[in-house]
Amino acid sequence: MIESDEGVANGIGVFTRDWVLLPGTESGYLARDDFYQAGDGCYTFEVTLENEHGEILVDTSSKIEFYWDSNEVDPDSENDQPAEAC
């Protein structure tokens, strides 16, 4: 659980060029093993926000297609397919 003051939690859960920043985790990033289990394909990330009054907002608009399995099978990283919106 991450708490913020006045609704501001800059840099928390932000998709950056590298990956999703989650301060407080072991590496500071969302771990691949936490969600990537079915192999390549489109993954939907669900973010749930709950304020101190009990109101809840759920957003599932972040959908990313991953090609990790395909990329790792081929030793030539020059032709790796990057993740993309799906």
N, C-alpha and C. Protein backbone atom coordinates (compact mmCIF):
# COMPACT_ATOMS: atom_id res chain seq x y z
N MET A 1 0.84 -1.17 0.00
CA MET A 1 0.00 0.00 0.00
C MET A 1 0.89 1.24 0.00
N ILE A 2 0.55 2.20 -0.81
CA ILE A 2 1.30 3.44 -0.89
C ILE A 2 0.37 4.57 -0.50
N GLU A 3 0.81 5.40 0.42
CA GLU A 3 0.01 6.54 0.85
C GLU A 3 0.56 7.81 0.22
N SER A 4 -0.33 8.76 -0.04
CA SER A 4 0.10 10.04 -0.60
C SER A 4 -0.56 11.17 0.18
N ASP A 5 0.02 12.33 0.07
CA ASP A 5 -0.51 13.50 0.74
C ASP A 5 -1.18 14.41 -0.28
N GLU A 6 -2.43 14.75 -0.06
CA GLU A 6 -3.18 15.60 -0.99
C GLU A 6 -3.25 15.00 -2.39
N GLY A 7 -3.21 13.68 -2.48
CA GLY A 7 -3.37 13.01 -3.78
C GLY A 7 -2.13 13.03 -4.64
N VAL A 8 -1.00 13.47 -4.11
CA VAL A 8 0.22 13.55 -4.92
C VAL A 8 1.17 12.43 -4.50
N ALA A 9 1.50 11.58 -5.45
CA ALA A 9 2.47 10.51 -5.23
C ALA A 9 3.34 10.42 -6.47
N ASN A 10 4.08 11.50 -6.73
CA ASN A 10 4.89 11.58 -7.94
C ASN A 10 5.85 10.40 -8.06
N GLY A 11 5.92 9.83 -9.27
CA GLY A 11 6.86 8.77 -9.55
C GLY A 11 6.45 7.40 -9.06
N ILE A 12 5.31 7.27 -8.42
CA ILE A 12 4.87 5.98 -7.90
C ILE A 12 3.96 5.31 -8.92
N GLY A 13 4.31 4.11 -9.34
CA GLY A 13 3.50 3.39 -10.31
C GLY A 13 3.53 3.98 -11.70
N VAL A 14 4.55 4.77 -11.98
CA VAL A 14 4.66 5.43 -13.27
C VAL A 14 5.37 4.53 -14.27
N PHE A 15 4.80 4.38 -15.47
CA PHE A 15 5.47 3.63 -16.53
C PHE A 15 6.52 4.55 -17.14
N THR A 16 7.78 4.17 -17.00
CA THR A 16 8.86 4.96 -17.57
C THR A 16 9.44 4.22 -18.77
N ARG A 17 10.46 4.79 -19.33
CA ARG A 17 11.15 4.17 -20.47
C ARG A 17 11.67 2.79 -20.09
N ASP A 18 12.08 2.61 -18.84
CA ASP A 18 12.64 1.34 -18.39
C ASP A 18 11.56 0.36 -17.93
N TRP A 19 10.74 0.80 -16.98
CA TRP A 19 9.71 -0.08 -16.43
C TRP A 19 8.86 0.69 -15.45
N VAL A 20 8.04 -0.01 -14.66
CA VAL A 20 7.11 0.63 -13.74
C VAL A 20 7.82 0.86 -12.40
N LEU A 21 7.93 2.12 -12.00
CA LEU A 21 8.57 2.46 -10.74
C LEU A 21 7.62 2.19 -9.57
N LEU A 22 8.09 1.38 -8.62
CA LEU A 22 7.33 1.11 -7.40
C LEU A 22 8.27 1.19 -6.21
N PRO A 23 8.55 2.42 -5.74
CA PRO A 23 9.44 2.57 -4.59
C PRO A 23 8.96 1.74 -3.42
N GLY A 24 9.90 1.19 -2.67
CA GLY A 24 9.56 0.35 -1.53
C GLY A 24 9.65 -1.13 -1.85
N THR A 25 9.75 -1.47 -3.13
CA THR A 25 9.94 -2.87 -3.50
C THR A 25 11.44 -3.16 -3.55
N GLU A 26 11.80 -4.42 -3.63
CA GLU A 26 13.20 -4.82 -3.58
C GLU A 26 14.07 -4.10 -4.61
N SER A 27 13.62 -4.03 -5.84
CA SER A 27 14.42 -3.41 -6.89
C SER A 27 13.97 -1.98 -7.21
N GLY A 28 12.82 -1.57 -6.67
CA GLY A 28 12.27 -0.27 -7.01
C GLY A 28 11.39 -0.32 -8.25
N TYR A 29 11.26 -1.50 -8.85
CA TYR A 29 10.46 -1.67 -10.06
C TYR A 29 9.47 -2.81 -9.85
N LEU A 30 8.39 -2.82 -10.62
CA LEU A 30 7.45 -3.92 -10.62
C LEU A 30 8.18 -5.17 -11.10
N ALA A 31 8.16 -6.23 -10.34
CA ALA A 31 8.87 -7.46 -10.70
C ALA A 31 8.11 -8.22 -11.79
N ARG A 32 8.84 -8.67 -12.78
CA ARG A 32 8.25 -9.43 -13.89
C ARG A 32 7.48 -10.65 -13.38
N ASP A 33 8.05 -11.35 -12.41
CA ASP A 33 7.42 -12.56 -11.89
C ASP A 33 6.12 -12.29 -11.14
N ASP A 34 5.86 -11.04 -10.79
CA ASP A 34 4.62 -10.71 -10.08
C ASP A 34 3.39 -10.80 -10.98
N PHE A 35 3.59 -10.76 -12.30
CA PHE A 35 2.42 -10.78 -13.19
C PHE A 35 2.63 -11.61 -14.45
N TYR A 36 3.83 -11.77 -14.89
CA TYR A 36 4.10 -12.42 -16.18
C TYR A 36 4.19 -13.93 -15.98
N GLN A 37 3.08 -14.62 -16.25
CA GLN A 37 3.05 -16.06 -16.03
C GLN A 37 2.51 -16.83 -17.23
N ALA A 38 1.75 -16.18 -18.07
CA ALA A 38 1.12 -16.87 -19.19
C ALA A 38 1.92 -16.73 -20.48
N GLY A 39 3.07 -16.07 -20.42
CA GLY A 39 3.88 -15.91 -21.63
C GLY A 39 3.52 -14.65 -22.38
N ASP A 40 4.06 -14.56 -23.59
CA ASP A 40 3.84 -13.38 -24.43
C ASP A 40 2.35 -13.13 -24.64
N GLY A 41 2.01 -11.87 -24.76
CA GLY A 41 0.63 -11.49 -25.01
C GLY A 41 0.31 -10.14 -24.41
N CYS A 42 -0.95 -9.79 -24.43
CA CYS A 42 -1.42 -8.50 -23.93
C CYS A 42 -1.78 -8.63 -22.44
N TYR A 43 -1.19 -7.78 -21.63
CA TYR A 43 -1.45 -7.77 -20.19
C TYR A 43 -2.16 -6.47 -19.83
N THR A 44 -3.19 -6.60 -19.01
CA THR A 44 -3.92 -5.43 -18.52
C THR A 44 -3.51 -5.19 -17.07
N PHE A 45 -3.08 -3.96 -16.80
CA PHE A 45 -2.68 -3.59 -15.45
C PHE A 45 -3.84 -2.87 -14.78
N GLU A 46 -4.25 -3.37 -13.63
CA GLU A 46 -5.36 -2.77 -12.89
C GLU A 46 -4.80 -1.97 -11.72
N VAL A 47 -5.15 -0.71 -11.68
CA VAL A 47 -4.74 0.17 -10.59
C VAL A 47 -5.97 0.53 -9.79
N THR A 48 -5.92 0.28 -8.48
CA THR A 48 -7.04 0.60 -7.59
C THR A 48 -6.59 1.68 -6.62
N LEU A 49 -7.35 2.76 -6.59
CA LEU A 49 -7.08 3.87 -5.67
C LEU A 49 -8.24 3.96 -4.69
N GLU A 50 -7.90 4.04 -3.42
CA GLU A 50 -8.93 4.19 -2.40
C GLU A 50 -8.54 5.38 -1.52
N ASN A 51 -9.45 6.34 -1.40
CA ASN A 51 -9.12 7.49 -0.55
C ASN A 51 -9.53 7.21 0.89
N GLU A 52 -9.18 8.12 1.77
CA GLU A 52 -9.42 7.91 3.20
C GLU A 52 -10.90 7.89 3.57
N HIS A 53 -11.77 8.30 2.64
CA HIS A 53 -13.21 8.28 2.90
C HIS A 53 -13.87 7.01 2.36
N GLY A 54 -13.07 6.11 1.81
CA GLY A 54 -13.59 4.84 1.32
C GLY A 54 -14.00 4.82 -0.14
N GLU A 55 -13.85 5.95 -0.83
CA GLU A 55 -14.18 5.96 -2.25
C GLU A 55 -13.09 5.21 -3.02
N ILE A 56 -13.52 4.44 -4.01
CA ILE A 56 -12.58 3.61 -4.76
C ILE A 56 -12.67 3.94 -6.24
N LEU A 57 -11.50 4.04 -6.87
CA LEU A 57 -11.40 4.23 -8.32
C LEU A 57 -10.55 3.10 -8.87
N VAL A 58 -11.06 2.41 -9.88
CA VAL A 58 -10.32 1.33 -10.52
C VAL A 58 -10.09 1.72 -11.97
N ASP A 59 -8.84 1.61 -12.42
CA ASP A 59 -8.49 1.95 -13.80
C ASP A 59 -7.79 0.75 -14.45
N THR A 60 -8.27 0.35 -15.61
CA THR A 60 -7.67 -0.76 -16.35
C THR A 60 -7.28 -0.32 -17.76
N SER A 61 -6.97 0.95 -17.92
CA SER A 61 -6.67 1.47 -19.26
C SER A 61 -5.25 1.15 -19.73
N SER A 62 -4.38 0.71 -18.83
CA SER A 62 -3.01 0.39 -19.23
C SER A 62 -2.94 -1.06 -19.69
N LYS A 63 -2.74 -1.24 -21.00
CA LYS A 63 -2.66 -2.58 -21.59
C LYS A 63 -1.40 -2.65 -22.44
N ILE A 64 -0.53 -3.61 -22.12
CA ILE A 64 0.77 -3.70 -22.78
C ILE A 64 1.00 -5.10 -23.33
N GLU A 65 1.43 -5.16 -24.58
CA GLU A 65 1.78 -6.43 -25.24
C GLU A 65 3.27 -6.68 -25.00
N PHE A 66 3.59 -7.85 -24.43
CA PHE A 66 4.98 -8.22 -24.15
C PHE A 66 5.43 -9.34 -25.06
N TYR A 67 6.72 -9.32 -25.39
CA TYR A 67 7.33 -10.33 -26.26
C TYR A 67 8.58 -10.93 -25.61
N TRP A 68 8.61 -11.02 -24.29
CA TRP A 68 9.79 -11.49 -23.60
C TRP A 68 10.18 -12.91 -24.02
N ASP A 69 9.22 -13.83 -24.06
CA ASP A 69 9.56 -15.21 -24.42
C ASP A 69 10.15 -15.28 -25.82
N SER A 70 9.52 -14.62 -26.77
CA SER A 70 10.00 -14.62 -28.15
C SER A 70 11.39 -14.00 -28.23
N ASN A 71 11.61 -12.91 -27.54
CA ASN A 71 12.90 -12.23 -27.57
C ASN A 71 14.00 -13.06 -26.92
N GLU A 72 13.69 -13.77 -25.86
CA GLU A 72 14.70 -14.52 -25.14
C GLU A 72 15.11 -15.80 -25.87
N VAL A 73 14.25 -16.33 -26.74
CA VAL A 73 14.57 -17.52 -27.51
C VAL A 73 15.65 -17.21 -28.56
N ASP A 74 15.63 -16.00 -29.08
CA ASP A 74 16.58 -15.57 -30.11
C ASP A 74 17.76 -14.85 -29.43
N PRO A 75 18.98 -15.40 -29.55
CA PRO A 75 20.13 -14.77 -28.88
C PRO A 75 20.53 -13.41 -29.45
N ASP A 76 20.04 -13.06 -30.64
CA ASP A 76 20.36 -11.78 -31.26
C ASP A 76 19.41 -10.70 -30.73
N SER A 77 19.89 -9.88 -29.81
CA SER A 77 19.03 -8.86 -29.21
C SER A 77 18.79 -7.67 -30.15
N GLU A 78 19.47 -7.64 -31.27
CA GLU A 78 19.28 -6.56 -32.24
C GLU A 78 17.86 -6.53 -32.81
N ASN A 79 17.23 -7.70 -32.91
CA ASN A 79 15.89 -7.76 -33.49
C ASN A 79 14.78 -8.00 -32.46
N ASP A 80 15.06 -7.71 -31.17
CA ASP A 80 14.04 -7.84 -30.13
C ASP A 80 12.87 -6.93 -30.42
N GLN A 81 11.68 -7.45 -30.18
CA GLN A 81 10.47 -6.66 -30.37
C GLN A 81 10.13 -5.97 -29.05
N PRO A 82 10.04 -4.64 -29.03
CA PRO A 82 9.73 -3.94 -27.79
C PRO A 82 8.26 -4.10 -27.38
N ALA A 83 8.01 -3.92 -26.10
CA ALA A 83 6.62 -3.92 -25.61
C ALA A 83 5.89 -2.75 -26.27
N GLU A 84 4.58 -2.95 -26.44
CA GLU A 84 3.78 -1.91 -27.09
C GLU A 84 2.36 -1.93 -26.56
N ALA A 85 1.66 -0.85 -26.71
CA ALA A 85 0.27 -0.77 -26.30
C ALA A 85 -0.56 -1.75 -27.11
N CYS A 86 -1.56 -2.35 -26.47
CA CYS A 86 -2.44 -3.27 -27.20
C CYS A 86 -3.89 -2.96 -26.89
